[in-house]
């Protein structure tokens, strides 16, 4: 169960997960609050519509191993699994 981080944090569980991943307090709070109020635009919702080159770029940015050997479907799955 997530600790209550006060009224300024709208999604305590997501905030804690983001902090465990190494995000700063400020960044974790922004993401958790944006998700809680529905304003967070997830690029993952339309991954199939993106080019393989774009998926490769995102996979590189988030550090997915073995991405150079993946086809588009595998990249989509790996990116979704990382989030």
N, C-alpha and C. Protein backbone atom coordinates (compact mmCIF):
# COMPACT_ATOMS: atom_id res chain seq x y z
N UNK A 1 0.84 -1.17 0.00
CA UNK A 1 0.00 0.00 0.00
C UNK A 1 0.89 1.25 0.00
N UNK A 2 0.53 2.20 -0.82
CA UNK A 2 1.33 3.40 -0.97
C UNK A 2 1.16 4.33 0.22
N UNK A 3 2.25 4.95 0.59
CA UNK A 3 2.24 5.95 1.66
C UNK A 3 1.51 7.20 1.16
N UNK A 4 0.83 7.89 2.04
CA UNK A 4 0.16 9.13 1.68
C UNK A 4 1.19 10.25 1.65
N UNK A 5 1.37 10.84 0.46
CA UNK A 5 2.37 11.90 0.29
C UNK A 5 1.74 13.29 0.37
N UNK A 6 0.54 13.37 0.87
CA UNK A 6 -0.12 14.66 1.03
C UNK A 6 -1.01 14.99 -0.15
N UNK A 7 -1.72 16.08 -0.02
CA UNK A 7 -2.69 16.45 -1.05
C UNK A 7 -2.05 16.90 -2.36
N UNK A 8 -0.77 17.26 -2.32
CA UNK A 8 -0.11 17.70 -3.55
C UNK A 8 0.19 16.55 -4.51
N UNK A 9 0.21 15.32 -4.03
CA UNK A 9 0.44 14.14 -4.87
C UNK A 9 -0.90 13.44 -5.05
N UNK A 10 -1.36 13.35 -6.29
CA UNK A 10 -2.69 12.79 -6.56
C UNK A 10 -2.70 11.27 -6.73
N UNK A 11 -1.55 10.67 -7.10
CA UNK A 11 -1.46 9.21 -7.27
C UNK A 11 -0.21 8.73 -6.53
N UNK A 12 -0.38 8.41 -5.25
CA UNK A 12 0.74 8.05 -4.40
C UNK A 12 1.50 6.81 -4.88
N UNK A 13 0.77 5.82 -5.35
CA UNK A 13 1.40 4.58 -5.80
C UNK A 13 2.30 4.83 -7.02
N UNK A 14 1.80 5.54 -8.00
CA UNK A 14 2.61 5.86 -9.18
C UNK A 14 3.80 6.72 -8.79
N UNK A 15 3.59 7.68 -7.92
CA UNK A 15 4.68 8.53 -7.44
C UNK A 15 5.80 7.68 -6.84
N UNK A 16 5.44 6.73 -5.98
CA UNK A 16 6.45 5.87 -5.36
C UNK A 16 7.18 5.02 -6.39
N UNK A 17 6.44 4.47 -7.35
CA UNK A 17 7.07 3.67 -8.41
C UNK A 17 8.07 4.51 -9.21
N UNK A 18 7.70 5.72 -9.54
CA UNK A 18 8.58 6.60 -10.30
C UNK A 18 9.83 6.98 -9.50
N UNK A 19 9.66 7.19 -8.20
CA UNK A 19 10.81 7.51 -7.36
C UNK A 19 11.75 6.31 -7.27
N UNK A 20 11.20 5.09 -7.19
CA UNK A 20 12.03 3.88 -7.14
C UNK A 20 12.81 3.70 -8.43
N UNK A 21 12.28 4.21 -9.54
CA UNK A 21 12.96 4.14 -10.84
C UNK A 21 14.05 5.20 -10.97
N UNK A 22 14.15 6.08 -9.99
CA UNK A 22 15.20 7.08 -9.99
C UNK A 22 14.78 8.47 -10.43
N UNK A 23 13.49 8.68 -10.66
CA UNK A 23 13.02 10.00 -11.04
C UNK A 23 13.09 10.95 -9.85
N UNK A 24 13.30 12.23 -10.14
CA UNK A 24 13.33 13.24 -9.08
C UNK A 24 11.94 13.37 -8.46
N UNK A 25 11.88 13.96 -7.29
CA UNK A 25 10.59 14.17 -6.64
C UNK A 25 9.67 15.03 -7.50
N UNK A 26 10.25 16.06 -8.11
CA UNK A 26 9.45 16.97 -8.93
C UNK A 26 8.88 16.27 -10.16
N UNK A 27 9.74 15.52 -10.84
CA UNK A 27 9.29 14.83 -12.05
C UNK A 27 8.25 13.77 -11.71
N UNK A 28 8.49 13.01 -10.65
CA UNK A 28 7.54 11.97 -10.24
C UNK A 28 6.19 12.59 -9.88
N UNK A 29 6.22 13.73 -9.21
CA UNK A 29 4.97 14.40 -8.83
C UNK A 29 4.22 14.89 -10.07
N UNK A 30 4.95 15.48 -11.02
CA UNK A 30 4.30 15.97 -12.25
C UNK A 30 3.64 14.83 -13.01
N UNK A 31 4.35 13.72 -13.16
CA UNK A 31 3.80 12.59 -13.91
C UNK A 31 2.60 11.98 -13.17
N UNK A 32 2.75 11.76 -11.87
CA UNK A 32 1.66 11.15 -11.09
C UNK A 32 0.42 12.02 -11.11
N UNK A 33 0.59 13.33 -10.98
CA UNK A 33 -0.56 14.23 -10.97
C UNK A 33 -1.20 14.34 -12.36
N UNK A 34 -0.38 14.35 -13.41
CA UNK A 34 -0.92 14.42 -14.77
C UNK A 34 -1.72 13.16 -15.09
N UNK A 35 -1.20 12.01 -14.67
CA UNK A 35 -1.92 10.76 -14.91
C UNK A 35 -3.24 10.74 -14.13
N UNK A 36 -3.20 11.22 -12.91
CA UNK A 36 -4.40 11.21 -12.07
C UNK A 36 -5.50 12.10 -12.63
N UNK A 37 -5.13 13.23 -13.24
CA UNK A 37 -6.18 14.11 -13.78
C UNK A 37 -6.47 13.87 -15.25
N UNK A 38 -5.80 12.86 -15.85
CA UNK A 38 -6.10 12.48 -17.23
C UNK A 38 -5.44 13.31 -18.30
N UNK A 39 -4.49 14.16 -17.93
CA UNK A 39 -3.85 15.00 -18.93
C UNK A 39 -2.55 14.43 -19.46
N UNK A 40 -2.16 13.27 -18.97
CA UNK A 40 -0.93 12.64 -19.44
C UNK A 40 -1.19 11.94 -20.75
N UNK A 41 -0.53 12.37 -21.81
CA UNK A 41 -0.70 11.79 -23.14
C UNK A 41 0.29 10.65 -23.29
N UNK A 42 -0.18 9.43 -23.25
CA UNK A 42 0.69 8.28 -23.39
C UNK A 42 0.95 8.00 -24.86
N UNK A 43 2.22 8.10 -25.23
CA UNK A 43 2.58 7.77 -26.60
C UNK A 43 2.38 6.28 -26.85
N UNK A 44 2.35 5.48 -25.81
CA UNK A 44 2.23 4.04 -25.97
C UNK A 44 0.86 3.62 -26.50
N UNK A 45 -0.14 4.49 -26.43
CA UNK A 45 -1.47 4.11 -26.90
C UNK A 45 -1.53 3.96 -28.40
N UNK A 46 -0.60 4.57 -29.12
CA UNK A 46 -0.60 4.51 -30.57
C UNK A 46 0.73 4.01 -31.11
N UNK A 47 1.37 3.13 -30.41
CA UNK A 47 2.68 2.65 -30.83
C UNK A 47 2.63 1.99 -32.21
N UNK A 48 1.56 1.27 -32.50
CA UNK A 48 1.47 0.58 -33.78
C UNK A 48 1.43 1.55 -34.96
N UNK A 49 1.01 2.79 -34.70
CA UNK A 49 0.92 3.79 -35.77
C UNK A 49 2.25 4.48 -36.04
N UNK A 50 3.23 4.25 -35.20
CA UNK A 50 4.52 4.93 -35.34
C UNK A 50 5.46 4.11 -36.21
N UNK A 51 6.44 4.79 -36.80
CA UNK A 51 7.41 4.11 -37.67
C UNK A 51 8.37 3.27 -36.83
N UNK A 52 8.99 2.29 -37.47
CA UNK A 52 9.95 1.46 -36.77
C UNK A 52 11.13 2.33 -36.30
N UNK A 53 11.54 3.29 -37.12
CA UNK A 53 12.65 4.17 -36.74
C UNK A 53 12.31 4.96 -35.48
N UNK A 54 11.08 5.42 -35.37
CA UNK A 54 10.64 6.16 -34.19
C UNK A 54 10.62 5.25 -32.96
N UNK A 55 10.17 4.02 -33.16
CA UNK A 55 10.15 3.05 -32.06
C UNK A 55 11.57 2.72 -31.62
N UNK A 56 12.48 2.59 -32.58
CA UNK A 56 13.89 2.31 -32.25
C UNK A 56 14.47 3.45 -31.42
N UNK A 57 14.13 4.69 -31.80
CA UNK A 57 14.63 5.86 -31.07
C UNK A 57 14.13 5.85 -29.62
N UNK A 58 12.85 5.57 -29.45
CA UNK A 58 12.31 5.52 -28.09
C UNK A 58 12.92 4.38 -27.30
N UNK A 59 13.08 3.22 -27.93
CA UNK A 59 13.69 2.07 -27.25
C UNK A 59 15.11 2.40 -26.80
N UNK A 60 15.85 3.13 -27.63
CA UNK A 60 17.22 3.55 -27.27
C UNK A 60 17.17 4.50 -26.08
N UNK A 61 16.24 5.45 -26.11
CA UNK A 61 16.13 6.44 -25.04
C UNK A 61 15.81 5.80 -23.69
N UNK A 62 14.99 4.76 -23.69
CA UNK A 62 14.63 4.14 -22.41
C UNK A 62 15.50 2.95 -22.06
N UNK A 63 16.46 2.61 -22.95
CA UNK A 63 17.46 1.60 -22.63
C UNK A 63 17.04 0.16 -22.81
N UNK A 64 16.24 -0.12 -23.81
CA UNK A 64 15.82 -1.50 -24.06
C UNK A 64 16.96 -2.26 -24.74
N UNK A 65 17.36 -3.36 -24.12
CA UNK A 65 18.45 -4.18 -24.64
C UNK A 65 17.98 -5.02 -25.83
N UNK A 66 18.84 -5.25 -26.79
CA UNK A 66 18.54 -6.11 -27.93
C UNK A 66 17.60 -5.51 -28.95
N UNK A 67 17.40 -4.22 -28.91
CA UNK A 67 16.44 -3.56 -29.80
C UNK A 67 16.82 -3.65 -31.27
N UNK A 68 18.11 -3.72 -31.57
CA UNK A 68 18.53 -3.74 -32.97
C UNK A 68 18.09 -5.01 -33.69
N UNK A 69 17.81 -6.07 -32.94
CA UNK A 69 17.38 -7.34 -33.54
C UNK A 69 15.87 -7.50 -33.55
N UNK A 70 15.15 -6.51 -33.01
CA UNK A 70 13.69 -6.62 -32.89
C UNK A 70 12.98 -6.10 -34.13
N UNK A 71 11.86 -6.76 -34.45
CA UNK A 71 10.99 -6.21 -35.49
C UNK A 71 10.04 -5.22 -34.82
N UNK A 72 9.18 -4.60 -35.61
CA UNK A 72 8.31 -3.55 -35.09
C UNK A 72 7.40 -4.07 -33.97
N UNK A 73 6.82 -5.26 -34.15
CA UNK A 73 5.92 -5.82 -33.13
C UNK A 73 6.66 -6.06 -31.82
N UNK A 74 7.90 -6.54 -31.91
CA UNK A 74 8.69 -6.79 -30.70
C UNK A 74 9.06 -5.48 -30.00
N UNK A 75 9.34 -4.45 -30.79
CA UNK A 75 9.63 -3.14 -30.21
C UNK A 75 8.42 -2.60 -29.45
N UNK A 76 7.24 -2.72 -30.07
CA UNK A 76 6.01 -2.26 -29.42
C UNK A 76 5.83 -2.98 -28.08
N UNK A 77 6.00 -4.29 -28.09
CA UNK A 77 5.83 -5.08 -26.88
C UNK A 77 6.85 -4.70 -25.81
N UNK A 78 8.10 -4.49 -26.22
CA UNK A 78 9.15 -4.14 -25.27
C UNK A 78 8.91 -2.76 -24.66
N UNK A 79 8.48 -1.81 -25.48
CA UNK A 79 8.23 -0.45 -24.97
C UNK A 79 7.04 -0.47 -24.01
N UNK A 80 5.99 -1.19 -24.37
CA UNK A 80 4.83 -1.29 -23.48
C UNK A 80 5.22 -1.97 -22.17
N UNK A 81 6.05 -2.98 -22.25
CA UNK A 81 6.47 -3.71 -21.04
C UNK A 81 7.35 -2.88 -20.13
N UNK A 82 8.00 -1.90 -20.70
CA UNK A 82 8.90 -1.05 -19.91
C UNK A 82 8.14 -0.02 -19.11
N UNK A 83 6.95 0.36 -19.55
CA UNK A 83 6.19 1.44 -18.90
C UNK A 83 5.40 0.97 -17.74
